[in-house]
Amino acid sequence: MQNMPWWAAILLALNIIMLLMGLKLIRRQPEASASEVKADLIAERTPVPITLTQPIPDRQKLIAAVTAAIAEYEGTDISALRVVSFNKRRQA
C-alpha cells in the first residue's frame, strides 16, 4: 500500500462509498409497488361527468361584441379577425 499512487487510493475510497450506498438502497423497503402507483394514477384520471350547459342566448350578437372588443383592443379592423370556435366553459 506504500507504493500505491494517491489517485488509486481515492478511487478505492470512492468505490467503497458507492458500494455502501448501493447496499443501503437495496436493503431499503420499497414504499409502494408499481401496481399500487398505477392504480392511484388510474383513480386520479377518472373522467368527470359532462354537464349540459344552457345554450347561449343571442349567440351571434355575443360573438360580434367579443370580436369587436378584441379588434378595438388590438387596434385592427374587425374584418381582419376570424372566429374559429366560441364555446361556453364551465367555471372551475
N, C-alpha and C. Protein backbone atom coordinates (compact mmCIF):
# COMPACT_ATOMS: atom_id res chain seq x y z
N MET A 1 0.82 -1.18 0.00
CA MET A 1 0.00 0.00 0.00
C MET A 1 0.87 1.25 0.00
N GLN A 2 2.15 1.10 0.33
CA GLN A 2 3.02 2.26 0.37
C GLN A 2 3.32 2.79 -1.02
N ASN A 3 3.39 1.94 -2.01
CA ASN A 3 3.74 2.37 -3.36
C ASN A 3 2.52 2.73 -4.20
N MET A 4 1.32 2.64 -3.63
CA MET A 4 0.10 2.93 -4.39
C MET A 4 0.00 4.45 -4.61
N PRO A 5 -0.29 4.87 -5.85
CA PRO A 5 -0.44 6.31 -6.10
C PRO A 5 -1.63 6.87 -5.33
N TRP A 6 -1.60 8.17 -5.08
CA TRP A 6 -2.65 8.81 -4.29
C TRP A 6 -4.00 8.72 -4.99
N TRP A 7 -4.04 8.80 -6.32
CA TRP A 7 -5.31 8.75 -7.04
C TRP A 7 -5.95 7.37 -6.97
N ALA A 8 -5.14 6.33 -6.85
CA ALA A 8 -5.69 4.98 -6.72
C ALA A 8 -6.36 4.82 -5.36
N ALA A 9 -5.80 5.44 -4.33
CA ALA A 9 -6.41 5.38 -3.01
C ALA A 9 -7.75 6.11 -3.01
N ILE A 10 -7.82 7.23 -3.70
CA ILE A 10 -9.08 7.98 -3.79
C ILE A 10 -10.12 7.17 -4.54
N LEU A 11 -9.73 6.52 -5.64
CA LEU A 11 -10.66 5.68 -6.39
C LEU A 11 -11.16 4.51 -5.56
N LEU A 12 -10.28 3.92 -4.78
CA LEU A 12 -10.68 2.81 -3.91
C LEU A 12 -11.68 3.29 -2.86
N ALA A 13 -11.44 4.46 -2.28
CA ALA A 13 -12.36 5.01 -1.28
C ALA A 13 -13.71 5.32 -1.92
N LEU A 14 -13.72 5.88 -3.13
CA LEU A 14 -14.98 6.17 -3.82
C LEU A 14 -15.74 4.89 -4.13
N ASN A 15 -15.01 3.84 -4.54
CA ASN A 15 -15.67 2.57 -4.81
C ASN A 15 -16.33 2.00 -3.55
N ILE A 16 -15.66 2.11 -2.44
CA ILE A 16 -16.23 1.61 -1.18
C ILE A 16 -17.47 2.41 -0.80
N ILE A 17 -17.40 3.73 -0.95
CA ILE A 17 -18.56 4.57 -0.64
C ILE A 17 -19.74 4.23 -1.54
N MET A 18 -19.49 4.05 -2.83
CA MET A 18 -20.57 3.71 -3.76
C MET A 18 -21.14 2.33 -3.44
N LEU A 19 -20.30 1.40 -3.05
CA LEU A 19 -20.77 0.06 -2.68
C LEU A 19 -21.69 0.14 -1.46
N LEU A 20 -21.31 0.93 -0.46
CA LEU A 20 -22.15 1.08 0.73
C LEU A 20 -23.47 1.76 0.39
N MET A 21 -23.44 2.75 -0.48
CA MET A 21 -24.68 3.42 -0.88
C MET A 21 -25.59 2.46 -1.63
N GLY A 22 -25.02 1.63 -2.49
CA GLY A 22 -25.81 0.65 -3.22
C GLY A 22 -26.44 -0.37 -2.29
N LEU A 23 -25.69 -0.83 -1.31
CA LEU A 23 -26.24 -1.79 -0.34
C LEU A 23 -27.37 -1.16 0.47
N LYS A 24 -27.22 0.10 0.81
CA LYS A 24 -28.26 0.79 1.56
C LYS A 24 -29.54 0.89 0.72
N LEU A 25 -29.40 1.18 -0.57
CA LEU A 25 -30.57 1.28 -1.44
C LEU A 25 -31.24 -0.07 -1.64
N ILE A 26 -30.45 -1.14 -1.73
CA ILE A 26 -31.02 -2.47 -1.91
C ILE A 26 -31.79 -2.91 -0.67
N ARG A 27 -31.26 -2.59 0.50
CA ARG A 27 -31.90 -3.01 1.75
C ARG A 27 -33.20 -2.26 2.04
N ARG A 28 -33.31 -1.06 1.53
CA ARG A 28 -34.47 -0.23 1.84
C ARG A 28 -35.74 -0.89 1.32
N GLN A 29 -36.80 -0.82 2.12
CA GLN A 29 -38.10 -1.37 1.74
C GLN A 29 -38.73 -0.46 0.69
N PRO A 30 -39.31 -1.04 -0.36
CA PRO A 30 -39.99 -0.19 -1.34
C PRO A 30 -41.22 0.45 -0.71
N GLU A 31 -41.43 1.74 -0.97
CA GLU A 31 -42.54 2.45 -0.36
C GLU A 31 -43.88 2.03 -0.95
N ALA A 32 -43.94 1.86 -2.25
CA ALA A 32 -45.18 1.43 -2.90
C ALA A 32 -44.81 0.65 -4.15
N SER A 33 -45.53 -0.40 -4.41
CA SER A 33 -45.24 -1.19 -5.59
C SER A 33 -45.74 -0.46 -6.84
N ALA A 34 -45.28 -0.90 -7.98
CA ALA A 34 -45.66 -0.25 -9.24
C ALA A 34 -47.15 -0.39 -9.51
N SER A 35 -47.74 -1.52 -9.13
CA SER A 35 -49.17 -1.71 -9.38
C SER A 35 -50.01 -0.76 -8.52
N GLU A 36 -49.56 -0.50 -7.29
CA GLU A 36 -50.29 0.43 -6.43
C GLU A 36 -50.21 1.85 -6.99
N VAL A 37 -49.04 2.22 -7.47
CA VAL A 37 -48.87 3.56 -8.05
C VAL A 37 -49.73 3.68 -9.30
N LYS A 38 -49.76 2.63 -10.13
CA LYS A 38 -50.56 2.66 -11.35
C LYS A 38 -52.04 2.76 -11.01
N ALA A 39 -52.49 2.05 -9.97
CA ALA A 39 -53.89 2.11 -9.56
C ALA A 39 -54.25 3.51 -9.07
N ASP A 40 -53.33 4.16 -8.36
CA ASP A 40 -53.58 5.53 -7.91
C ASP A 40 -53.70 6.49 -9.09
N LEU A 41 -52.85 6.30 -10.11
CA LEU A 41 -52.92 7.17 -11.28
C LEU A 41 -54.22 6.98 -12.03
N ILE A 42 -54.67 5.74 -12.13
CA ILE A 42 -55.94 5.48 -12.82
C ILE A 42 -57.09 6.10 -12.04
N ALA A 43 -57.03 6.02 -10.71
CA ALA A 43 -58.10 6.60 -9.89
C ALA A 43 -58.14 8.12 -10.05
N GLU A 44 -56.97 8.73 -10.23
CA GLU A 44 -56.93 10.18 -10.40
C GLU A 44 -57.46 10.61 -11.76
N ARG A 45 -57.40 9.74 -12.75
CA ARG A 45 -57.80 10.10 -14.11
C ARG A 45 -59.24 9.74 -14.43
N THR A 46 -60.03 9.41 -13.43
CA THR A 46 -61.42 9.06 -13.72
C THR A 46 -62.11 10.26 -14.34
N PRO A 47 -62.86 10.05 -15.41
CA PRO A 47 -63.47 11.17 -16.11
C PRO A 47 -64.57 11.83 -15.29
N VAL A 48 -64.64 13.12 -15.43
CA VAL A 48 -65.67 13.91 -14.76
C VAL A 48 -66.90 13.93 -15.66
N PRO A 49 -68.07 13.68 -15.11
CA PRO A 49 -69.25 13.68 -15.97
C PRO A 49 -69.49 15.08 -16.55
N ILE A 50 -69.86 15.10 -17.81
CA ILE A 50 -70.09 16.36 -18.51
C ILE A 50 -71.52 16.81 -18.24
N THR A 51 -71.64 18.02 -17.76
CA THR A 51 -72.97 18.56 -17.51
C THR A 51 -73.35 19.44 -18.70
N LEU A 52 -74.55 19.31 -19.15
CA LEU A 52 -75.01 20.11 -20.27
C LEU A 52 -75.27 21.53 -19.81
N THR A 53 -74.77 22.47 -20.57
CA THR A 53 -75.00 23.88 -20.25
C THR A 53 -76.13 24.41 -21.11
N GLN A 54 -76.69 25.48 -20.64
CA GLN A 54 -77.78 26.10 -21.40
C GLN A 54 -77.20 26.79 -22.62
N PRO A 55 -77.93 26.79 -23.72
CA PRO A 55 -77.41 27.47 -24.92
C PRO A 55 -77.28 28.97 -24.67
N ILE A 56 -76.32 29.55 -25.35
CA ILE A 56 -76.07 30.99 -25.21
C ILE A 56 -77.15 31.76 -25.96
N PRO A 57 -77.89 32.64 -25.27
CA PRO A 57 -78.90 33.43 -25.99
C PRO A 57 -78.21 34.49 -26.85
N ASP A 58 -78.75 34.75 -28.03
CA ASP A 58 -78.20 35.74 -28.98
C ASP A 58 -76.71 35.49 -29.22
N ARG A 59 -76.40 34.29 -29.62
CA ARG A 59 -75.02 33.87 -29.81
C ARG A 59 -74.29 34.76 -30.82
N GLN A 60 -74.93 35.08 -31.92
CA GLN A 60 -74.29 35.89 -32.96
C GLN A 60 -73.95 37.29 -32.45
N LYS A 61 -74.84 37.87 -31.65
CA LYS A 61 -74.57 39.20 -31.09
C LYS A 61 -73.41 39.15 -30.10
N LEU A 62 -73.36 38.10 -29.31
CA LEU A 62 -72.28 37.95 -28.35
C LEU A 62 -70.94 37.78 -29.06
N ILE A 63 -70.91 36.96 -30.09
CA ILE A 63 -69.67 36.77 -30.85
C ILE A 63 -69.24 38.08 -31.51
N ALA A 64 -70.20 38.83 -32.04
CA ALA A 64 -69.88 40.11 -32.67
C ALA A 64 -69.33 41.10 -31.65
N ALA A 65 -69.91 41.13 -30.46
CA ALA A 65 -69.44 42.06 -29.42
C ALA A 65 -68.04 41.69 -28.95
N VAL A 66 -67.79 40.41 -28.75
CA VAL A 66 -66.46 39.98 -28.30
C VAL A 66 -65.42 40.25 -29.39
N THR A 67 -65.76 39.96 -30.62
CA THR A 67 -64.84 40.21 -31.74
C THR A 67 -64.55 41.70 -31.88
N ALA A 68 -65.57 42.53 -31.71
CA ALA A 68 -65.36 43.98 -31.79
C ALA A 68 -64.46 44.46 -30.66
N ALA A 69 -64.64 43.92 -29.48
CA ALA A 69 -63.80 44.31 -28.35
C ALA A 69 -62.35 43.90 -28.58
N ILE A 70 -62.14 42.70 -29.12
CA ILE A 70 -60.77 42.25 -29.39
C ILE A 70 -60.13 43.11 -30.48
N ALA A 71 -60.90 43.42 -31.52
CA ALA A 71 -60.38 44.26 -32.61
C ALA A 71 -60.02 45.65 -32.09
N GLU A 72 -60.85 46.20 -31.22
CA GLU A 72 -60.57 47.52 -30.64
C GLU A 72 -59.31 47.47 -29.78
N TYR A 73 -59.17 46.42 -29.00
CA TYR A 73 -58.01 46.28 -28.12
C TYR A 73 -56.72 46.16 -28.93
N GLU A 74 -56.78 45.37 -30.02
CA GLU A 74 -55.59 45.16 -30.83
C GLU A 74 -55.35 46.29 -31.83
N GLY A 75 -56.35 47.14 -32.03
CA GLY A 75 -56.19 48.24 -32.97
C GLY A 75 -56.29 47.79 -34.42
N THR A 76 -57.02 46.71 -34.67
CA THR A 76 -57.18 46.21 -36.04
C THR A 76 -58.64 46.34 -36.46
N ASP A 77 -58.87 46.07 -37.73
CA ASP A 77 -60.22 46.09 -38.26
C ASP A 77 -60.93 44.79 -37.88
N ILE A 78 -62.22 44.89 -37.63
CA ILE A 78 -62.98 43.71 -37.22
C ILE A 78 -63.03 42.65 -38.32
N SER A 79 -62.93 43.08 -39.58
CA SER A 79 -62.96 42.11 -40.68
C SER A 79 -61.67 41.31 -40.78
N ALA A 80 -60.61 41.76 -40.08
CA ALA A 80 -59.35 41.03 -40.10
C ALA A 80 -59.37 39.83 -39.15
N LEU A 81 -60.37 39.76 -38.30
CA LEU A 81 -60.46 38.65 -37.34
C LEU A 81 -61.41 37.59 -37.85
N ARG A 82 -61.09 36.34 -37.54
CA ARG A 82 -61.95 35.23 -37.92
C ARG A 82 -62.18 34.37 -36.68
N VAL A 83 -63.42 34.17 -36.32
CA VAL A 83 -63.76 33.36 -35.15
C VAL A 83 -63.83 31.90 -35.60
N VAL A 84 -62.99 31.07 -35.02
CA VAL A 84 -62.96 29.65 -35.37
C VAL A 84 -63.92 28.87 -34.50
N SER A 85 -63.86 29.13 -33.21
CA SER A 85 -64.80 28.46 -32.30
C SER A 85 -65.10 29.38 -31.13
N PHE A 86 -66.26 29.20 -30.59
CA PHE A 86 -66.71 30.03 -29.47
C PHE A 86 -67.53 29.13 -28.57
N ASN A 87 -66.92 28.67 -27.49
CA ASN A 87 -67.59 27.72 -26.60
C ASN A 87 -67.71 28.30 -25.20
N LYS A 88 -68.81 28.01 -24.57
CA LYS A 88 -69.02 28.41 -23.18
C LYS A 88 -68.36 27.36 -22.31
N ARG A 89 -67.53 27.79 -21.39
CA ARG A 89 -66.84 26.87 -20.49
C ARG A 89 -67.43 26.98 -19.10
N ARG A 90 -67.44 25.86 -18.43
CA ARG A 90 -67.95 25.87 -17.06
C ARG A 90 -66.89 26.45 -16.15
N GLN A 91 -67.32 27.03 -15.05
CA GLN A 91 -66.39 27.61 -14.10
C GLN A 91 -65.68 26.51 -13.35
N ALA A 92 -64.39 26.70 -13.14
CA ALA A 92 -63.60 25.68 -12.44
C ALA A 92 -63.72 25.83 -10.95
